Amino acid sequence: MEVSIINEGRAGILGLGSEPAVVRVTPLAAMPQVDVAGAAKAVLEKLLGMLGMEGTVTTRTETMPEEAPSITLDVTGPDLGILIGRRGQTLASLQYLVRLMVSNETKSRESIIIDIEGYKERRYLALESLARQMAEQVKMQGKPYAFEPMSSFERRIIHVTLTGDPDVTTESVGIGEGRKVILMPKKMAE
């Protein structure tokens, strides 16, 4: 769609003298299909080269239940730990940059995930296990448990893992980088 603003309108004073905005929306001709996965791989390989890092990038497409498909770029090679960073912060920044560059180049908003040496897969499994262990602890003690501050990706893992548990509930609290998950008995939450 192409959106053109004909008249921005005016708010007026207390609603008096206001004018509605006028916008023209025109459907564009069918856009040619863009190889987003290929573009993402090329961008990541170029960034790795500019950083002086050696690595092999492989592409796969994953479809999670009830979610849009995502493009996963797996990077393998020697000494790539620096690209992961402390608690995955460098990896998250790299992923953000690649998403931004690819969406600018392809005009596409597909989900792009970067995993280096299987870090995200290992972190996912570790958080699932931790969530289940802490859920058992909360059930036995009847007291809430607060996880350490986590990224939205990690908080989501905790929430999804414990969604079907009939005895505990999860809630994200906090602001920005201090946002964390609180795990509590359902009877306490009610």
N, C-alpha and C. Protein backbone atom coordinates (compact mmCIF):
# COMPACT_ATOMS: atom_id res chain seq x y z
N MET A 1 0.83 -1.17 0.00
CA MET A 1 0.00 0.00 0.00
C MET A 1 0.88 1.24 0.00
N GLU A 2 0.42 2.24 -0.72
CA GLU A 2 1.09 3.54 -0.69
C GLU A 2 0.16 4.49 0.04
N VAL A 3 0.68 5.17 1.05
CA VAL A 3 -0.13 6.08 1.85
C VAL A 3 0.32 7.51 1.56
N SER A 4 -0.65 8.35 1.16
CA SER A 4 -0.37 9.76 0.89
C SER A 4 -1.24 10.60 1.81
N ILE A 5 -0.65 11.57 2.47
CA ILE A 5 -1.41 12.47 3.34
C ILE A 5 -1.83 13.67 2.49
N ILE A 6 -3.13 13.82 2.32
CA ILE A 6 -3.69 14.92 1.54
C ILE A 6 -3.81 16.15 2.41
N ASN A 7 -4.35 15.98 3.63
CA ASN A 7 -4.53 17.08 4.56
C ASN A 7 -4.28 16.54 5.96
N GLU A 8 -3.36 17.15 6.69
CA GLU A 8 -3.02 16.66 8.03
C GLU A 8 -4.11 16.94 9.04
N GLY A 9 -5.03 17.83 8.73
CA GLY A 9 -6.10 18.16 9.65
C GLY A 9 -5.62 19.08 10.75
N ARG A 10 -6.56 19.50 11.61
CA ARG A 10 -6.21 20.38 12.73
C ARG A 10 -6.98 19.92 13.95
N ALA A 11 -6.36 20.06 15.10
CA ALA A 11 -7.00 19.68 16.35
C ALA A 11 -8.01 20.74 16.80
N GLY A 12 -7.77 21.97 16.50
CA GLY A 12 -8.66 23.04 16.94
C GLY A 12 -8.48 23.30 18.42
N ILE A 13 -9.34 24.16 18.95
CA ILE A 13 -9.30 24.47 20.37
C ILE A 13 -10.57 23.93 20.99
N LEU A 14 -10.41 23.01 21.92
CA LEU A 14 -11.54 22.34 22.56
C LEU A 14 -12.49 21.74 21.52
N GLY A 15 -11.93 21.29 20.42
CA GLY A 15 -12.73 20.66 19.38
C GLY A 15 -13.33 21.63 18.39
N LEU A 16 -13.27 22.94 18.66
CA LEU A 16 -13.83 23.94 17.75
C LEU A 16 -12.82 24.26 16.66
N GLY A 17 -13.27 24.29 15.44
CA GLY A 17 -12.38 24.61 14.32
C GLY A 17 -11.51 23.44 13.90
N SER A 18 -11.82 22.25 14.38
CA SER A 18 -11.01 21.09 14.02
C SER A 18 -11.36 20.61 12.63
N GLU A 19 -10.38 19.99 11.97
CA GLU A 19 -10.57 19.39 10.66
C GLU A 19 -10.04 17.97 10.69
N PRO A 20 -10.76 17.03 10.09
CA PRO A 20 -10.24 15.66 10.05
C PRO A 20 -9.09 15.56 9.06
N ALA A 21 -8.21 14.61 9.31
CA ALA A 21 -7.11 14.35 8.38
C ALA A 21 -7.68 13.62 7.17
N VAL A 22 -7.07 13.86 6.00
CA VAL A 22 -7.48 13.18 4.78
C VAL A 22 -6.27 12.42 4.26
N VAL A 23 -6.46 11.10 4.11
CA VAL A 23 -5.36 10.23 3.70
C VAL A 23 -5.81 9.40 2.49
N ARG A 24 -4.94 9.24 1.50
CA ARG A 24 -5.23 8.40 0.35
C ARG A 24 -4.37 7.15 0.45
N VAL A 25 -5.03 5.99 0.40
CA VAL A 25 -4.33 4.70 0.45
C VAL A 25 -4.52 4.02 -0.90
N THR A 26 -3.41 3.73 -1.57
CA THR A 26 -3.45 3.13 -2.90
C THR A 26 -2.72 1.79 -2.86
N PRO A 27 -3.40 0.72 -3.31
CA PRO A 27 -2.69 -0.57 -3.35
C PRO A 27 -1.61 -0.54 -4.43
N LEU A 28 -0.48 -1.09 -4.10
CA LEU A 28 0.62 -1.15 -5.06
C LEU A 28 0.49 -2.42 -5.88
N ALA A 29 1.14 -2.43 -7.00
CA ALA A 29 1.17 -3.65 -7.81
C ALA A 29 1.87 -4.73 -7.00
N ALA A 30 1.61 -5.95 -7.34
CA ALA A 30 2.22 -7.06 -6.60
C ALA A 30 3.73 -6.86 -6.57
N MET A 31 4.27 -6.85 -5.35
CA MET A 31 5.70 -6.65 -5.21
C MET A 31 6.42 -7.96 -5.51
N PRO A 32 7.56 -7.88 -6.16
CA PRO A 32 8.30 -9.11 -6.45
C PRO A 32 8.76 -9.77 -5.15
N GLN A 33 8.79 -11.08 -5.16
CA GLN A 33 9.23 -11.82 -3.98
C GLN A 33 10.71 -11.56 -3.75
N VAL A 34 11.06 -11.30 -2.51
CA VAL A 34 12.44 -11.00 -2.15
C VAL A 34 12.98 -12.17 -1.33
N ASP A 35 14.21 -12.55 -1.60
CA ASP A 35 14.84 -13.63 -0.83
C ASP A 35 15.38 -13.03 0.47
N VAL A 36 14.53 -12.96 1.49
CA VAL A 36 14.91 -12.36 2.76
C VAL A 36 16.00 -13.19 3.44
N ALA A 37 15.88 -14.50 3.37
CA ALA A 37 16.88 -15.38 3.99
C ALA A 37 18.26 -15.15 3.36
N GLY A 38 18.29 -15.05 2.04
CA GLY A 38 19.56 -14.81 1.34
C GLY A 38 20.14 -13.45 1.69
N ALA A 39 19.26 -12.45 1.77
CA ALA A 39 19.71 -11.10 2.12
C ALA A 39 20.25 -11.07 3.55
N ALA A 40 19.56 -11.76 4.47
CA ALA A 40 20.01 -11.81 5.87
C ALA A 40 21.37 -12.49 5.98
N LYS A 41 21.52 -13.59 5.25
CA LYS A 41 22.79 -14.32 5.28
C LYS A 41 23.92 -13.43 4.74
N ALA A 42 23.66 -12.73 3.63
CA ALA A 42 24.68 -11.87 3.04
C ALA A 42 25.06 -10.73 3.99
N VAL A 43 24.07 -10.13 4.64
CA VAL A 43 24.34 -9.04 5.58
C VAL A 43 25.18 -9.54 6.75
N LEU A 44 24.80 -10.68 7.32
CA LEU A 44 25.54 -11.22 8.46
C LEU A 44 26.96 -11.60 8.07
N GLU A 45 27.14 -12.22 6.91
CA GLU A 45 28.48 -12.58 6.45
C GLU A 45 29.34 -11.34 6.26
N LYS A 46 28.75 -10.28 5.72
CA LYS A 46 29.50 -9.03 5.53
C LYS A 46 29.90 -8.43 6.88
N LEU A 47 28.97 -8.43 7.84
CA LEU A 47 29.28 -7.91 9.17
C LEU A 47 30.40 -8.72 9.83
N LEU A 48 30.32 -10.05 9.72
CA LEU A 48 31.37 -10.89 10.30
C LEU A 48 32.72 -10.56 9.68
N GLY A 49 32.74 -10.38 8.36
CA GLY A 49 33.98 -10.02 7.67
C GLY A 49 34.52 -8.68 8.14
N MET A 50 33.64 -7.71 8.30
CA MET A 50 34.07 -6.39 8.76
C MET A 50 34.60 -6.43 10.19
N LEU A 51 34.08 -7.38 10.99
CA LEU A 51 34.56 -7.53 12.36
C LEU A 51 35.83 -8.38 12.44
N GLY A 52 36.24 -8.94 11.31
CA GLY A 52 37.42 -9.80 11.29
C GLY A 52 37.17 -11.16 11.91
N MET A 53 35.93 -11.60 11.88
CA MET A 53 35.57 -12.89 12.47
C MET A 53 35.37 -13.91 11.35
N GLU A 54 35.85 -15.12 11.59
CA GLU A 54 35.63 -16.21 10.64
C GLU A 54 34.47 -17.04 11.13
N GLY A 55 33.56 -17.32 10.23
CA GLY A 55 32.41 -18.14 10.61
C GLY A 55 31.63 -18.56 9.39
N THR A 56 30.94 -19.69 9.53
CA THR A 56 30.09 -20.19 8.46
C THR A 56 28.65 -19.93 8.86
N VAL A 57 27.90 -19.33 7.96
CA VAL A 57 26.50 -19.00 8.22
C VAL A 57 25.62 -19.95 7.41
N THR A 58 24.73 -20.65 8.11
CA THR A 58 23.75 -21.50 7.44
C THR A 58 22.36 -20.97 7.78
N THR A 59 21.45 -21.14 6.86
CA THR A 59 20.10 -20.59 6.99
C THR A 59 19.09 -21.72 7.11
N ARG A 60 18.12 -21.54 7.99
CA ARG A 60 16.99 -22.46 8.07
C ARG A 60 15.75 -21.66 8.44
N THR A 61 14.60 -22.17 8.02
CA THR A 61 13.33 -21.52 8.33
C THR A 61 12.58 -22.38 9.31
N GLU A 62 12.12 -21.77 10.39
CA GLU A 62 11.39 -22.49 11.43
C GLU A 62 9.98 -21.93 11.53
N THR A 63 9.05 -22.81 11.83
CA THR A 63 7.68 -22.37 12.08
C THR A 63 7.26 -22.92 13.42
N MET A 64 7.06 -22.01 14.36
CA MET A 64 6.57 -22.38 15.68
C MET A 64 5.05 -22.39 15.63
N PRO A 65 4.40 -23.24 16.44
CA PRO A 65 2.94 -23.25 16.43
C PRO A 65 2.38 -21.87 16.76
N GLU A 66 1.37 -21.45 16.01
CA GLU A 66 0.65 -20.19 16.20
C GLU A 66 1.54 -18.96 16.01
N GLU A 67 2.63 -19.10 15.29
CA GLU A 67 3.51 -17.96 15.03
C GLU A 67 3.89 -17.93 13.57
N ALA A 68 4.29 -16.76 13.10
CA ALA A 68 4.78 -16.63 11.73
C ALA A 68 6.14 -17.32 11.62
N PRO A 69 6.48 -17.81 10.43
CA PRO A 69 7.78 -18.45 10.27
C PRO A 69 8.92 -17.46 10.53
N SER A 70 10.02 -17.97 11.04
CA SER A 70 11.17 -17.12 11.28
C SER A 70 12.38 -17.70 10.55
N ILE A 71 13.27 -16.81 10.18
CA ILE A 71 14.52 -17.20 9.52
C ILE A 71 15.58 -17.28 10.60
N THR A 72 16.22 -18.43 10.71
CA THR A 72 17.28 -18.60 11.69
C THR A 72 18.61 -18.71 10.97
N LEU A 73 19.56 -17.90 11.40
CA LEU A 73 20.91 -17.94 10.86
C LEU A 73 21.81 -18.56 11.91
N ASP A 74 22.34 -19.75 11.63
CA ASP A 74 23.24 -20.43 12.55
C ASP A 74 24.67 -20.11 12.14
N VAL A 75 25.47 -19.63 13.10
CA VAL A 75 26.86 -19.27 12.82
C VAL A 75 27.76 -20.23 13.58
N THR A 76 28.69 -20.85 12.86
CA THR A 76 29.67 -21.74 13.48
C THR A 76 31.07 -21.30 13.05
N GLY A 77 32.02 -21.53 13.92
CA GLY A 77 33.39 -21.17 13.60
C GLY A 77 34.22 -21.04 14.87
N PRO A 78 35.50 -20.76 14.71
CA PRO A 78 36.39 -20.64 15.87
C PRO A 78 36.25 -19.28 16.56
N ASP A 79 36.37 -19.30 17.86
CA ASP A 79 36.42 -18.08 18.68
C ASP A 79 35.26 -17.11 18.43
N LEU A 80 34.05 -17.60 18.47
CA LEU A 80 32.89 -16.74 18.24
C LEU A 80 32.22 -16.30 19.53
N GLY A 81 32.78 -16.72 20.66
CA GLY A 81 32.20 -16.37 21.96
C GLY A 81 32.07 -14.87 22.16
N ILE A 82 32.97 -14.11 21.59
CA ILE A 82 32.91 -12.66 21.74
C ILE A 82 31.65 -12.09 21.10
N LEU A 83 31.11 -12.78 20.10
CA LEU A 83 29.88 -12.32 19.45
C LEU A 83 28.64 -12.61 20.30
N ILE A 84 28.77 -13.49 21.28
CA ILE A 84 27.65 -13.78 22.17
C ILE A 84 27.61 -12.72 23.26
N GLY A 85 28.74 -12.43 23.85
CA GLY A 85 28.81 -11.41 24.89
C GLY A 85 28.25 -11.89 26.22
N ARG A 86 28.26 -10.99 27.18
CA ARG A 86 27.77 -11.32 28.53
C ARG A 86 26.26 -11.53 28.47
N ARG A 87 25.82 -12.70 28.86
CA ARG A 87 24.41 -13.08 28.88
C ARG A 87 23.70 -12.82 27.55
N GLY A 88 24.46 -12.93 26.44
CA GLY A 88 23.87 -12.82 25.11
C GLY A 88 23.59 -11.41 24.64
N GLN A 89 24.13 -10.41 25.34
CA GLN A 89 23.83 -9.02 24.98
C GLN A 89 24.41 -8.63 23.62
N THR A 90 25.62 -9.06 23.32
CA THR A 90 26.23 -8.74 22.03
C THR A 90 25.46 -9.44 20.91
N LEU A 91 25.06 -10.68 21.15
CA LEU A 91 24.28 -11.42 20.17
C LEU A 91 22.94 -10.73 19.90
N ALA A 92 22.29 -10.24 20.93
CA ALA A 92 21.02 -9.53 20.76
C ALA A 92 21.22 -8.26 19.94
N SER A 93 22.31 -7.56 20.17
CA SER A 93 22.60 -6.34 19.41
C SER A 93 22.90 -6.66 17.95
N LEU A 94 23.67 -7.71 17.73
CA LEU A 94 23.98 -8.15 16.36
C LEU A 94 22.70 -8.53 15.63
N GLN A 95 21.83 -9.26 16.30
CA GLN A 95 20.56 -9.67 15.71
C GLN A 95 19.71 -8.44 15.36
N TYR A 96 19.69 -7.46 16.24
CA TYR A 96 18.93 -6.23 15.99
C TYR A 96 19.47 -5.51 14.75
N LEU A 97 20.79 -5.40 14.65
CA LEU A 97 21.40 -4.73 13.50
C LEU A 97 21.07 -5.44 12.19
N VAL A 98 21.18 -6.76 12.20
CA VAL A 98 20.90 -7.53 10.98
C VAL A 98 19.43 -7.37 10.60
N ARG A 99 18.53 -7.46 11.57
CA ARG A 99 17.09 -7.27 11.27
C ARG A 99 16.84 -5.89 10.65
N LEU A 100 17.44 -4.87 11.23
CA LEU A 100 17.26 -3.51 10.76
C LEU A 100 17.79 -3.35 9.33
N MET A 101 18.98 -3.85 9.08
CA MET A 101 19.60 -3.72 7.77
C MET A 101 18.81 -4.50 6.71
N VAL A 102 18.37 -5.69 7.05
CA VAL A 102 17.63 -6.52 6.10
C VAL A 102 16.25 -5.91 5.82
N SER A 103 15.56 -5.43 6.85
CA SER A 103 14.24 -4.85 6.62
C SER A 103 14.35 -3.57 5.79
N ASN A 104 15.43 -2.83 5.96
CA ASN A 104 15.65 -1.63 5.15
C ASN A 104 15.93 -1.99 3.69
N GLU A 105 16.69 -3.06 3.50
CA GLU A 105 17.07 -3.49 2.15
C GLU A 105 15.92 -4.16 1.41
N THR A 106 15.16 -5.01 2.10
CA THR A 106 14.13 -5.81 1.44
C THR A 106 12.72 -5.27 1.63
N LYS A 107 12.55 -4.28 2.51
CA LYS A 107 11.23 -3.74 2.86
C LYS A 107 10.32 -4.85 3.39
N SER A 108 10.92 -5.78 4.11
CA SER A 108 10.20 -6.92 4.69
C SER A 108 10.37 -6.90 6.19
N ARG A 109 9.39 -7.43 6.91
CA ARG A 109 9.42 -7.44 8.37
C ARG A 109 9.47 -8.86 8.92
N GLU A 110 10.13 -9.75 8.21
CA GLU A 110 10.20 -11.13 8.67
C GLU A 110 11.09 -11.24 9.90
N SER A 111 10.76 -12.20 10.74
CA SER A 111 11.53 -12.43 11.95
C SER A 111 12.86 -13.11 11.61
N ILE A 112 13.94 -12.53 12.09
CA ILE A 112 15.27 -13.08 11.85
C ILE A 112 15.91 -13.36 13.20
N ILE A 113 16.37 -14.59 13.38
CA ILE A 113 17.00 -15.01 14.63
C ILE A 113 18.43 -15.45 14.30
N ILE A 114 19.37 -14.98 15.09
CA ILE A 114 20.76 -15.39 14.92
C ILE A 114 21.16 -16.23 16.12
N ASP A 115 21.75 -17.39 15.83
CA ASP A 115 22.24 -18.27 16.90
C ASP A 115 23.71 -18.56 16.62
N ILE A 116 24.55 -18.34 17.61
CA ILE A 116 25.98 -18.55 17.45
C ILE A 116 26.40 -19.77 18.26
N GLU A 117 26.94 -20.76 17.53
CA GLU A 117 27.43 -22.00 18.15
C GLU A 117 26.37 -22.65 19.05
N GLY A 118 25.09 -22.52 18.70
CA GLY A 118 24.02 -23.15 19.45
C GLY A 118 23.73 -22.52 20.80
N TYR A 119 24.20 -21.28 21.03
CA TYR A 119 24.00 -20.61 22.31
C TYR A 119 22.52 -20.48 22.66
N LYS A 120 21.72 -19.99 21.71
CA LYS A 120 20.31 -19.76 22.02
C LYS A 120 19.58 -21.06 22.31
N GLU A 121 19.91 -22.10 21.60
CA GLU A 121 19.28 -23.41 21.85
C GLU A 121 19.63 -23.91 23.26
N ARG A 122 20.91 -23.79 23.63
CA ARG A 122 21.32 -24.22 24.98
C ARG A 122 20.65 -23.36 26.05
N ARG A 123 20.58 -22.05 25.82
CA ARG A 123 19.96 -21.14 26.78
C ARG A 123 18.47 -21.44 26.92
N TYR A 124 17.82 -21.74 25.80
CA TYR A 124 16.40 -22.09 25.80
C TYR A 124 16.15 -23.31 26.68
N LEU A 125 16.94 -24.36 26.47
CA LEU A 125 16.78 -25.60 27.25
C LEU A 125 17.08 -25.35 28.74
N ALA A 126 18.11 -24.55 29.02
CA ALA A 126 18.46 -24.27 30.42
C ALA A 126 17.34 -23.49 31.11
N LEU A 127 16.76 -22.52 30.42
CA LEU A 127 15.68 -21.73 31.01
C LEU A 127 14.41 -22.56 31.20
N GLU A 128 14.13 -23.46 30.27
CA GLU A 128 12.98 -24.36 30.43
C GLU A 128 13.15 -25.21 31.69
N SER A 129 14.33 -25.76 31.84
CA SER A 129 14.62 -26.60 33.01
C SER A 129 14.53 -25.78 34.30
N LEU A 130 15.11 -24.59 34.31
CA LEU A 130 15.07 -23.72 35.47
C LEU A 130 13.62 -23.35 35.82
N ALA A 131 12.82 -23.04 34.81
CA ALA A 131 11.42 -22.67 35.04
C ALA A 131 10.67 -23.82 35.72
N ARG A 132 10.89 -25.03 35.25
CA ARG A 132 10.20 -26.19 35.84
C ARG A 132 10.67 -26.44 37.28
N GLN A 133 11.98 -26.31 37.52
CA GLN A 133 12.52 -26.50 38.87
C GLN A 133 11.94 -25.46 39.84
N MET A 134 11.93 -24.21 39.41
CA MET A 134 11.42 -23.15 40.28
C MET A 134 9.91 -23.28 40.49
N ALA A 135 9.19 -23.79 39.49
CA ALA A 135 7.75 -24.02 39.65
C ALA A 135 7.51 -25.07 40.73
N GLU A 136 8.30 -26.12 40.75
CA GLU A 136 8.18 -27.15 41.79
C GLU A 136 8.48 -26.55 43.17
N GLN A 137 9.51 -25.71 43.24
CA GLN A 137 9.86 -25.06 44.51
C GLN A 137 8.72 -24.17 45.00
N VAL A 138 8.13 -23.40 44.09
CA VAL A 138 7.02 -22.51 44.45
C VAL A 138 5.83 -23.32 44.93
N LYS A 139 5.56 -24.45 44.28
CA LYS A 139 4.44 -25.32 44.68
C LYS A 139 4.67 -25.87 46.09
N MET A 140 5.89 -26.30 46.37
CA MET A 140 6.20 -26.90 47.67
C MET A 140 6.20 -25.85 48.79
N GLN A 141 6.78 -24.69 48.55
CA GLN A 141 6.91 -23.67 49.60
C GLN A 141 5.72 -22.73 49.67
N GLY A 142 4.97 -22.61 48.57
CA GLY A 142 3.83 -21.71 48.55
C GLY A 142 4.21 -20.24 48.54
N LYS A 143 5.48 -19.95 48.20
CA LYS A 143 5.97 -18.56 48.16
C LYS A 143 6.37 -18.19 46.74
N PRO A 144 6.20 -16.92 46.36
CA PRO A 144 6.61 -16.49 45.01
C PRO A 144 8.12 -16.55 44.85
N TYR A 145 8.55 -16.62 43.59
CA TYR A 145 9.97 -16.62 43.26
C TYR A 145 10.19 -15.59 42.15
N ALA A 146 11.21 -14.75 42.31
CA ALA A 146 11.54 -13.74 41.30
C ALA A 146 12.81 -14.17 40.57
N PHE A 147 12.71 -14.32 39.27
CA PHE A 147 13.89 -14.62 38.46
C PHE A 147 14.73 -13.37 38.33
N GLU A 148 15.98 -13.53 37.91
CA GLU A 148 16.84 -12.38 37.65
C GLU A 148 16.30 -11.62 36.44
N PRO A 149 16.66 -10.35 36.27
CA PRO A 149 16.21 -9.61 35.08
C PRO A 149 16.65 -10.33 33.80
N MET A 150 15.74 -10.37 32.83
CA MET A 150 16.00 -11.10 31.58
C MET A 150 15.53 -10.29 30.38
N SER A 151 16.01 -10.70 29.22
CA SER A 151 15.55 -10.10 27.96
C SER A 151 14.13 -10.60 27.68
N SER A 152 13.45 -9.95 26.76
CA SER A 152 12.08 -10.36 26.43
C SER A 152 12.06 -11.78 25.87
N PHE A 153 13.08 -12.16 25.11
CA PHE A 153 13.18 -13.52 24.57
C PHE A 153 13.22 -14.54 25.70
N GLU A 154 14.03 -14.27 26.73
CA GLU A 154 14.18 -15.20 27.85
C GLU A 154 12.93 -15.22 28.72
N ARG A 155 12.32 -14.06 28.96
CA ARG A 155 11.08 -14.02 29.76
C ARG A 155 9.99 -14.82 29.07
N ARG A 156 9.93 -14.70 27.77
CA ARG A 156 8.91 -15.43 27.00
C ARG A 156 9.08 -16.93 27.17
N ILE A 157 10.30 -17.40 27.21
CA ILE A 157 10.55 -18.84 27.41
C ILE A 157 9.95 -19.29 28.73
N ILE A 158 10.17 -18.52 29.79
CA ILE A 158 9.62 -18.87 31.11
C ILE A 158 8.09 -18.90 31.05
N HIS A 159 7.50 -17.86 30.47
CA HIS A 159 6.03 -17.78 30.38
C HIS A 159 5.47 -18.96 29.59
N VAL A 160 6.03 -19.24 28.42
CA VAL A 160 5.52 -20.32 27.56
C VAL A 160 5.69 -21.69 28.23
N THR A 161 6.82 -21.90 28.90
CA THR A 161 7.09 -23.18 29.54
C THR A 161 6.05 -23.48 30.62
N LEU A 162 5.64 -22.46 31.37
CA LEU A 162 4.75 -22.69 32.50
C LEU A 162 3.28 -22.35 32.21
N THR A 163 2.95 -22.07 30.97
CA THR A 163 1.58 -21.70 30.62
C THR A 163 0.56 -22.76 31.03
N GLY A 164 0.85 -24.01 30.80
CA GLY A 164 -0.12 -25.07 31.09
C GLY A 164 -0.11 -25.58 32.52
N ASP A 165 0.74 -25.05 33.36
CA ASP A 165 0.83 -25.53 34.74
C ASP A 165 -0.39 -25.06 35.53
N PRO A 166 -1.15 -25.99 36.11
CA PRO A 166 -2.38 -25.60 36.81
C PRO A 166 -2.14 -24.96 38.19
N ASP A 167 -0.93 -25.08 38.73
CA ASP A 167 -0.69 -24.62 40.09
C ASP A 167 0.09 -23.32 40.22
N VAL A 168 0.75 -22.87 39.13
CA VAL A 168 1.55 -21.66 39.21
C VAL A 168 1.19 -20.72 38.05
N THR A 169 1.50 -19.45 38.25
CA THR A 169 1.30 -18.45 37.21
C THR A 169 2.54 -17.56 37.14
N THR A 170 2.73 -16.92 35.99
CA THR A 170 3.90 -16.06 35.80
C THR A 170 3.43 -14.65 35.47
N GLU A 171 4.27 -13.69 35.81
CA GLU A 171 3.97 -12.29 35.52
C GLU A 171 5.29 -11.54 35.35
N SER A 172 5.38 -10.71 34.32
CA SER A 172 6.56 -9.87 34.13
C SER A 172 6.36 -8.56 34.86
N VAL A 173 7.37 -8.15 35.60
CA VAL A 173 7.32 -6.88 36.34
C VAL A 173 8.61 -6.12 36.12
N GLY A 174 8.56 -4.82 36.31
CA GLY A 174 9.76 -3.99 36.18
C GLY A 174 9.74 -3.21 34.88
N ILE A 175 10.79 -2.43 34.69
CA ILE A 175 10.90 -1.56 33.53
C ILE A 175 12.25 -1.76 32.87
N GLY A 176 12.26 -1.75 31.56
CA GLY A 176 13.50 -1.79 30.79
C GLY A 176 14.34 -3.03 31.06
N GLU A 177 15.64 -2.81 31.28
CA GLU A 177 16.55 -3.93 31.49
C GLU A 177 16.36 -4.60 32.84
N GLY A 178 15.62 -3.98 33.74
CA GLY A 178 15.36 -4.56 35.05
C GLY A 178 14.10 -5.42 35.07
N ARG A 179 13.47 -5.63 33.91
CA ARG A 179 12.23 -6.41 33.83
C ARG A 179 12.53 -7.87 34.10
N LYS A 180 11.70 -8.48 34.96
CA LYS A 180 11.92 -9.88 35.33
C LYS A 180 10.59 -10.60 35.49
N VAL A 181 10.66 -11.91 35.61
CA VAL A 181 9.48 -12.76 35.76
C VAL A 181 9.30 -13.13 37.22
N ILE A 182 8.06 -12.98 37.69
CA ILE A 182 7.70 -13.44 39.03
C ILE A 182 6.86 -14.69 38.86
N LEU A 183 7.22 -15.72 39.58
CA LEU A 183 6.53 -17.00 39.55
C LEU A 183 5.81 -17.14 40.89
N MET A 184 4.48 -17.38 40.86
CA MET A 184 3.74 -17.46 42.11
C MET A 184 2.66 -18.53 42.05
N PRO A 185 2.26 -19.03 43.22
CA PRO A 185 1.17 -20.00 43.24
C PRO A 185 -0.10 -19.34 42.71
N LYS A 186 -0.91 -20.11 41.95
CA LYS A 186 -2.15 -19.53 41.38
C LYS A 186 -3.10 -19.04 42.45
N LYS A 187 -3.20 -19.77 43.57
CA LYS A 187 -4.12 -19.33 44.62
C LYS A 187 -3.71 -17.98 45.20
N MET A 188 -2.41 -17.68 45.22
CA MET A 188 -1.92 -16.39 45.70
C MET A 188 -2.21 -15.30 44.69
N ALA A 189 -2.09 -15.62 43.40
CA ALA A 189 -2.32 -14.64 42.35
C ALA A 189 -3.79 -14.22 42.28
N GLU A 190 -4.67 -15.15 42.62
CA GLU A 190 -6.10 -14.85 42.57
C GLU A 190 -6.48 -13.97 43.74
